[in-house]
Amino acid sequence: MIFRVRTLSGVPVMVERTTYPERVGELVAAMDPGLASHADGLEAHGVLFSDALHTIDVVPADAADAELLGCRTGDGLLRERRRSTDPAGLPVEWSQDRYLPGTVAFTVRNSSGSRAMGRSLNGS
């Protein structure tokens, strides 16, 4: 599991908890822990994130969140849970990000005229 604090201009705003399947986790473990995103490095090894299910809700800060984010235990945090899969539908990550209020916005667009996101290694 990757457990890290993310910052904006040096100010803690989010706690990230990400779990990977063993085959992906071994690649992530070999990467620089300071990388902003592991996705590009994983793509270089043939691991693609092609689909993700996002669930967004509010949860109370636990003791670890409160210490890392400088809030009180029990304060409301915006939580985004994500399950990402590759083009074959195999899981590549399960993530839970907890944000301080007022630090992030999510935009969701639905359209009957657009295809679902699709990616492949050969660019098609």
N, C-alpha and C. Protein backbone atom coordinates (compact mmCIF):
# COMPACT_ATOMS: atom_id res chain seq x y z
N MET A 1 0.84 -1.18 0.00
CA MET A 1 0.00 0.00 0.00
C MET A 1 0.89 1.24 0.00
N ILE A 2 0.50 2.20 -0.81
CA ILE A 2 1.15 3.51 -0.82
C ILE A 2 0.33 4.41 0.08
N PHE A 3 0.97 5.04 1.02
CA PHE A 3 0.31 5.95 1.96
C PHE A 3 1.14 7.22 1.94
N ARG A 4 0.56 8.30 1.41
CA ARG A 4 1.32 9.53 1.36
C ARG A 4 0.42 10.75 1.43
N VAL A 5 1.02 11.85 1.86
CA VAL A 5 0.35 13.14 1.93
C VAL A 5 0.65 13.90 0.66
N ARG A 6 -0.37 14.48 0.07
CA ARG A 6 -0.19 15.30 -1.13
C ARG A 6 -0.38 16.76 -0.74
N THR A 7 0.38 17.63 -1.37
CA THR A 7 0.35 19.05 -1.01
C THR A 7 0.07 19.93 -2.23
N LEU A 8 -0.40 21.13 -1.95
CA LEU A 8 -0.51 22.20 -2.93
C LEU A 8 0.30 23.36 -2.38
N SER A 9 1.29 23.80 -3.11
CA SER A 9 2.18 24.88 -2.66
C SER A 9 2.75 24.59 -1.28
N GLY A 10 3.06 23.31 -1.04
CA GLY A 10 3.68 22.91 0.23
C GLY A 10 2.71 22.73 1.39
N VAL A 11 1.43 22.95 1.17
CA VAL A 11 0.42 22.82 2.23
C VAL A 11 -0.29 21.48 2.07
N PRO A 12 -0.31 20.64 3.12
CA PRO A 12 -1.00 19.35 3.03
C PRO A 12 -2.50 19.54 2.76
N VAL A 13 -3.02 18.84 1.73
CA VAL A 13 -4.43 18.94 1.39
C VAL A 13 -5.10 17.58 1.21
N MET A 14 -4.31 16.50 1.08
CA MET A 14 -4.90 15.21 0.79
C MET A 14 -4.03 14.07 1.30
N VAL A 15 -4.69 13.04 1.78
CA VAL A 15 -4.01 11.80 2.17
C VAL A 15 -4.42 10.74 1.15
N GLU A 16 -3.42 10.12 0.55
CA GLU A 16 -3.63 9.10 -0.47
C GLU A 16 -3.31 7.73 0.11
N ARG A 17 -4.21 6.79 -0.11
CA ARG A 17 -4.00 5.39 0.26
C ARG A 17 -4.30 4.56 -1.00
N THR A 18 -3.27 3.98 -1.58
CA THR A 18 -3.46 3.22 -2.81
C THR A 18 -2.88 1.82 -2.65
N THR A 19 -3.65 0.84 -3.08
CA THR A 19 -3.23 -0.55 -3.06
C THR A 19 -3.20 -1.04 -4.50
N TYR A 20 -2.17 -1.83 -4.81
CA TYR A 20 -1.99 -2.36 -6.16
C TYR A 20 -1.95 -3.87 -6.12
N PRO A 21 -2.36 -4.52 -7.22
CA PRO A 21 -2.12 -5.96 -7.32
C PRO A 21 -0.60 -6.19 -7.27
N GLU A 22 -0.20 -7.37 -6.85
CA GLU A 22 1.23 -7.65 -6.66
C GLU A 22 2.08 -7.30 -7.88
N ARG A 23 1.64 -7.68 -9.07
CA ARG A 23 2.43 -7.43 -10.28
C ARG A 23 2.64 -5.93 -10.51
N VAL A 24 1.66 -5.10 -10.17
CA VAL A 24 1.78 -3.64 -10.33
C VAL A 24 2.52 -3.04 -9.14
N GLY A 25 2.24 -3.54 -7.96
CA GLY A 25 2.89 -3.04 -6.76
C GLY A 25 4.40 -3.18 -6.80
N GLU A 26 4.89 -4.26 -7.39
CA GLU A 26 6.34 -4.45 -7.51
C GLU A 26 6.96 -3.35 -8.38
N LEU A 27 6.26 -2.95 -9.43
CA LEU A 27 6.76 -1.86 -10.29
C LEU A 27 6.73 -0.53 -9.54
N VAL A 28 5.65 -0.28 -8.82
CA VAL A 28 5.53 0.98 -8.07
C VAL A 28 6.60 1.05 -6.98
N ALA A 29 6.86 -0.06 -6.32
CA ALA A 29 7.86 -0.07 -5.25
C ALA A 29 9.25 0.31 -5.76
N ALA A 30 9.52 0.06 -7.03
CA ALA A 30 10.83 0.38 -7.61
C ALA A 30 10.91 1.83 -8.10
N MET A 31 9.79 2.55 -8.06
CA MET A 31 9.78 3.93 -8.55
C MET A 31 10.17 4.92 -7.46
N ASP A 32 10.56 6.11 -7.88
CA ASP A 32 10.87 7.21 -6.97
C ASP A 32 9.61 7.54 -6.17
N PRO A 33 9.66 7.47 -4.83
CA PRO A 33 8.47 7.73 -4.02
C PRO A 33 7.97 9.17 -4.14
N GLY A 34 8.79 10.06 -4.65
CA GLY A 34 8.39 11.45 -4.79
C GLY A 34 7.65 11.77 -6.07
N LEU A 35 7.45 10.77 -6.93
CA LEU A 35 6.73 11.01 -8.18
C LEU A 35 5.32 11.51 -7.90
N ALA A 36 4.88 12.49 -8.66
CA ALA A 36 3.52 13.00 -8.49
C ALA A 36 2.50 11.95 -8.89
N SER A 37 2.83 11.15 -9.90
CA SER A 37 1.92 10.11 -10.38
C SER A 37 2.72 8.89 -10.80
N HIS A 38 2.20 7.73 -10.52
CA HIS A 38 2.84 6.49 -10.94
C HIS A 38 2.37 6.03 -12.31
N ALA A 39 1.31 6.64 -12.82
CA ALA A 39 0.69 6.16 -14.06
C ALA A 39 1.64 6.18 -15.25
N ASP A 40 2.42 7.26 -15.42
CA ASP A 40 3.34 7.32 -16.57
C ASP A 40 4.41 6.24 -16.48
N GLY A 41 4.96 6.06 -15.30
CA GLY A 41 5.97 5.02 -15.11
C GLY A 41 5.41 3.63 -15.34
N LEU A 42 4.19 3.41 -14.91
CA LEU A 42 3.56 2.12 -15.13
C LEU A 42 3.27 1.89 -16.61
N GLU A 43 2.85 2.94 -17.31
CA GLU A 43 2.58 2.80 -18.74
C GLU A 43 3.84 2.39 -19.49
N ALA A 44 4.99 2.90 -19.05
CA ALA A 44 6.26 2.52 -19.68
C ALA A 44 6.54 1.02 -19.53
N HIS A 45 5.89 0.39 -18.52
CA HIS A 45 6.04 -1.05 -18.30
C HIS A 45 4.83 -1.83 -18.83
N GLY A 46 3.99 -1.17 -19.62
CA GLY A 46 2.85 -1.86 -20.23
C GLY A 46 1.60 -1.92 -19.39
N VAL A 47 1.56 -1.20 -18.26
CA VAL A 47 0.37 -1.17 -17.41
C VAL A 47 -0.43 0.07 -17.76
N LEU A 48 -1.63 -0.13 -18.28
CA LEU A 48 -2.49 0.99 -18.68
C LEU A 48 -3.70 1.10 -17.76
N PHE A 49 -4.06 2.32 -17.45
CA PHE A 49 -5.27 2.62 -16.71
C PHE A 49 -6.31 3.01 -17.76
N SER A 50 -7.26 2.12 -18.05
CA SER A 50 -8.21 2.43 -19.11
C SER A 50 -9.61 2.70 -18.62
N ASP A 51 -9.93 2.31 -17.40
CA ASP A 51 -11.27 2.53 -16.88
C ASP A 51 -11.17 2.70 -15.37
N ALA A 52 -12.00 3.59 -14.83
CA ALA A 52 -12.00 3.79 -13.38
C ALA A 52 -13.42 4.06 -12.91
N LEU A 53 -13.76 3.48 -11.80
CA LEU A 53 -15.02 3.74 -11.13
C LEU A 53 -14.70 4.62 -9.93
N HIS A 54 -15.33 5.78 -9.85
CA HIS A 54 -15.09 6.73 -8.77
C HIS A 54 -16.34 6.82 -7.89
N THR A 55 -16.14 6.77 -6.60
CA THR A 55 -17.21 6.99 -5.63
C THR A 55 -16.77 8.14 -4.75
N ILE A 56 -17.61 9.16 -4.65
CA ILE A 56 -17.25 10.37 -3.92
C ILE A 56 -18.25 10.56 -2.78
N ASP A 57 -17.73 10.73 -1.57
CA ASP A 57 -18.57 10.96 -0.41
C ASP A 57 -17.80 11.77 0.63
N VAL A 58 -18.37 11.94 1.79
CA VAL A 58 -17.73 12.66 2.89
C VAL A 58 -17.57 11.68 4.05
N VAL A 59 -16.38 11.68 4.65
CA VAL A 59 -16.10 10.82 5.80
C VAL A 59 -15.43 11.64 6.89
N PRO A 60 -15.56 11.20 8.13
CA PRO A 60 -14.86 11.91 9.20
C PRO A 60 -13.36 11.59 9.18
N ALA A 61 -12.56 12.59 9.46
CA ALA A 61 -11.11 12.40 9.54
C ALA A 61 -10.79 11.46 10.68
N ASP A 62 -9.95 10.46 10.39
CA ASP A 62 -9.48 9.60 11.48
C ASP A 62 -8.24 10.26 12.11
N ALA A 63 -7.65 9.63 13.10
CA ALA A 63 -6.52 10.23 13.81
C ALA A 63 -5.34 10.49 12.87
N ALA A 64 -5.07 9.55 11.94
CA ALA A 64 -3.95 9.74 11.00
C ALA A 64 -4.22 10.91 10.07
N ASP A 65 -5.45 10.99 9.53
CA ASP A 65 -5.81 12.12 8.66
C ASP A 65 -5.63 13.44 9.40
N ALA A 66 -6.14 13.50 10.62
CA ALA A 66 -6.09 14.74 11.39
C ALA A 66 -4.65 15.19 11.62
N GLU A 67 -3.80 14.25 11.99
CA GLU A 67 -2.40 14.60 12.23
C GLU A 67 -1.71 15.07 10.95
N LEU A 68 -1.93 14.37 9.86
CA LEU A 68 -1.25 14.69 8.60
C LEU A 68 -1.79 15.94 7.92
N LEU A 69 -3.08 16.20 8.06
CA LEU A 69 -3.70 17.32 7.37
C LEU A 69 -3.89 18.55 8.26
N GLY A 70 -3.64 18.40 9.55
CA GLY A 70 -3.78 19.55 10.45
C GLY A 70 -5.22 19.92 10.74
N CYS A 71 -6.11 18.93 10.69
CA CYS A 71 -7.51 19.17 11.03
C CYS A 71 -7.82 18.42 12.33
N ARG A 72 -9.05 18.46 12.75
CA ARG A 72 -9.46 17.74 13.96
C ARG A 72 -10.00 16.36 13.60
N THR A 73 -9.78 15.40 14.46
CA THR A 73 -10.40 14.09 14.29
C THR A 73 -11.91 14.29 14.24
N GLY A 74 -12.54 13.70 13.26
CA GLY A 74 -13.99 13.83 13.11
C GLY A 74 -14.41 14.90 12.12
N ASP A 75 -13.49 15.81 11.74
CA ASP A 75 -13.83 16.81 10.71
C ASP A 75 -14.17 16.10 9.42
N GLY A 76 -15.08 16.65 8.64
CA GLY A 76 -15.48 16.06 7.38
C GLY A 76 -14.40 16.22 6.30
N LEU A 77 -14.08 15.15 5.62
CA LEU A 77 -13.15 15.17 4.49
C LEU A 77 -13.86 14.63 3.25
N LEU A 78 -13.59 15.23 2.11
CA LEU A 78 -14.13 14.71 0.86
C LEU A 78 -13.30 13.49 0.48
N ARG A 79 -13.97 12.37 0.29
CA ARG A 79 -13.27 11.12 -0.04
C ARG A 79 -13.62 10.70 -1.45
N GLU A 80 -12.59 10.35 -2.20
CA GLU A 80 -12.78 9.78 -3.53
C GLU A 80 -12.19 8.37 -3.50
N ARG A 81 -13.05 7.38 -3.72
CA ARG A 81 -12.59 5.99 -3.82
C ARG A 81 -12.58 5.64 -5.30
N ARG A 82 -11.52 4.96 -5.70
CA ARG A 82 -11.33 4.67 -7.12
C ARG A 82 -10.86 3.23 -7.31
N ARG A 83 -11.47 2.57 -8.28
CA ARG A 83 -11.03 1.24 -8.70
C ARG A 83 -10.72 1.36 -10.17
N SER A 84 -9.44 1.21 -10.52
CA SER A 84 -9.00 1.36 -11.91
C SER A 84 -8.65 0.01 -12.49
N THR A 85 -8.97 -0.15 -13.79
CA THR A 85 -8.67 -1.40 -14.47
C THR A 85 -7.94 -1.13 -15.78
N ASP A 86 -7.32 -2.17 -16.30
CA ASP A 86 -6.60 -2.08 -17.57
C ASP A 86 -7.56 -2.41 -18.72
N PRO A 87 -7.09 -2.37 -19.97
CA PRO A 87 -7.99 -2.65 -21.10
C PRO A 87 -8.65 -4.03 -21.05
N ALA A 88 -8.04 -4.99 -20.37
CA ALA A 88 -8.63 -6.33 -20.25
C ALA A 88 -9.61 -6.43 -19.08
N GLY A 89 -9.77 -5.34 -18.33
CA GLY A 89 -10.67 -5.35 -17.18
C GLY A 89 -10.05 -5.82 -15.90
N LEU A 90 -8.73 -6.04 -15.90
CA LEU A 90 -8.03 -6.48 -14.68
C LEU A 90 -7.73 -5.27 -13.80
N PRO A 91 -7.92 -5.39 -12.48
CA PRO A 91 -7.64 -4.27 -11.59
C PRO A 91 -6.16 -3.88 -11.62
N VAL A 92 -5.90 -2.58 -11.63
CA VAL A 92 -4.53 -2.07 -11.52
C VAL A 92 -4.33 -1.21 -10.28
N GLU A 93 -5.43 -0.77 -9.66
CA GLU A 93 -5.31 -0.04 -8.39
C GLU A 93 -6.66 0.07 -7.71
N TRP A 94 -6.58 0.19 -6.39
CA TRP A 94 -7.71 0.57 -5.55
C TRP A 94 -7.17 1.72 -4.73
N SER A 95 -7.84 2.87 -4.79
CA SER A 95 -7.32 4.04 -4.12
C SER A 95 -8.40 4.73 -3.31
N GLN A 96 -7.97 5.36 -2.24
CA GLN A 96 -8.85 6.17 -1.42
C GLN A 96 -8.10 7.46 -1.10
N ASP A 97 -8.61 8.57 -1.61
CA ASP A 97 -7.99 9.87 -1.38
C ASP A 97 -8.93 10.69 -0.51
N ARG A 98 -8.38 11.31 0.53
CA ARG A 98 -9.19 12.13 1.44
C ARG A 98 -8.67 13.56 1.42
N TYR A 99 -9.55 14.49 1.04
CA TYR A 99 -9.20 15.88 0.83
C TYR A 99 -9.79 16.78 1.90
N LEU A 100 -9.03 17.81 2.28
CA LEU A 100 -9.56 18.86 3.13
C LEU A 100 -10.65 19.61 2.36
N PRO A 101 -11.67 20.08 3.05
CA PRO A 101 -12.72 20.84 2.37
C PRO A 101 -12.13 22.08 1.67
N GLY A 102 -12.70 22.40 0.52
CA GLY A 102 -12.31 23.60 -0.21
C GLY A 102 -11.01 23.50 -0.99
N THR A 103 -10.45 22.30 -1.11
CA THR A 103 -9.15 22.17 -1.79
C THR A 103 -9.24 21.50 -3.16
N VAL A 104 -10.36 20.90 -3.49
CA VAL A 104 -10.49 20.19 -4.75
C VAL A 104 -11.95 20.25 -5.22
N ALA A 105 -12.13 20.18 -6.51
CA ALA A 105 -13.47 20.09 -7.09
C ALA A 105 -13.45 18.96 -8.12
N PHE A 106 -14.53 18.24 -8.21
CA PHE A 106 -14.67 17.18 -9.20
C PHE A 106 -15.73 17.61 -10.20
N THR A 107 -15.46 17.38 -11.47
CA THR A 107 -16.41 17.66 -12.52
C THR A 107 -16.70 16.35 -13.25
N VAL A 108 -17.96 16.04 -13.43
CA VAL A 108 -18.37 14.83 -14.12
C VAL A 108 -19.22 15.25 -15.30
N ARG A 109 -18.89 14.73 -16.47
CA ARG A 109 -19.67 15.02 -17.66
C ARG A 109 -20.23 13.72 -18.22
N ASN A 110 -21.49 13.71 -18.47
CA ASN A 110 -22.15 12.56 -19.09
C ASN A 110 -22.68 12.99 -20.43
N SER A 111 -22.53 12.14 -21.43
CA SER A 111 -23.01 12.45 -22.76
C SER A 111 -23.40 11.16 -23.47
N SER A 112 -24.59 11.15 -24.05
CA SER A 112 -24.99 9.97 -24.80
C SER A 112 -24.27 9.90 -26.14
N GLY A 113 -23.64 11.01 -26.55
CA GLY A 113 -22.97 11.06 -27.84
C GLY A 113 -21.50 10.75 -27.80
N SER A 114 -20.96 10.38 -26.66
CA SER A 114 -19.52 10.10 -26.61
C SER A 114 -19.27 8.67 -26.17
N ARG A 115 -18.16 8.13 -26.63
CA ARG A 115 -17.75 6.78 -26.26
C ARG A 115 -17.10 6.79 -24.89
N ALA A 116 -17.05 5.63 -24.28
CA ALA A 116 -16.30 5.48 -23.04
C ALA A 116 -14.83 5.63 -23.34
N MET A 117 -14.06 6.07 -22.36
CA MET A 117 -12.63 6.24 -22.52
C MET A 117 -11.99 4.91 -22.93
N GLY A 118 -11.08 4.96 -23.87
CA GLY A 118 -10.39 3.75 -24.30
C GLY A 118 -8.94 4.03 -24.59
N ARG A 119 -8.06 3.13 -24.18
CA ARG A 119 -6.64 3.27 -24.42
C ARG A 119 -6.04 1.93 -24.73
N SER A 120 -4.99 1.96 -25.53
CA SER A 120 -4.23 0.73 -25.80
C SER A 120 -2.78 1.11 -26.00
N LEU A 121 -1.89 0.15 -25.91
CA LEU A 121 -0.47 0.42 -26.05
C LEU A 121 -0.09 0.81 -27.47
N ASN A 122 -0.82 0.33 -28.46
CA ASN A 122 -0.44 0.63 -29.85
C ASN A 122 -1.05 1.93 -30.36
N GLY A 123 -1.70 2.70 -29.46
CA GLY A 123 -2.21 4.01 -29.82
C GLY A 123 -3.57 4.00 -30.49
N SER A 124 -4.19 2.84 -30.63
CA SER A 124 -5.50 2.81 -31.28
C SER A 124 -6.62 2.89 -30.27
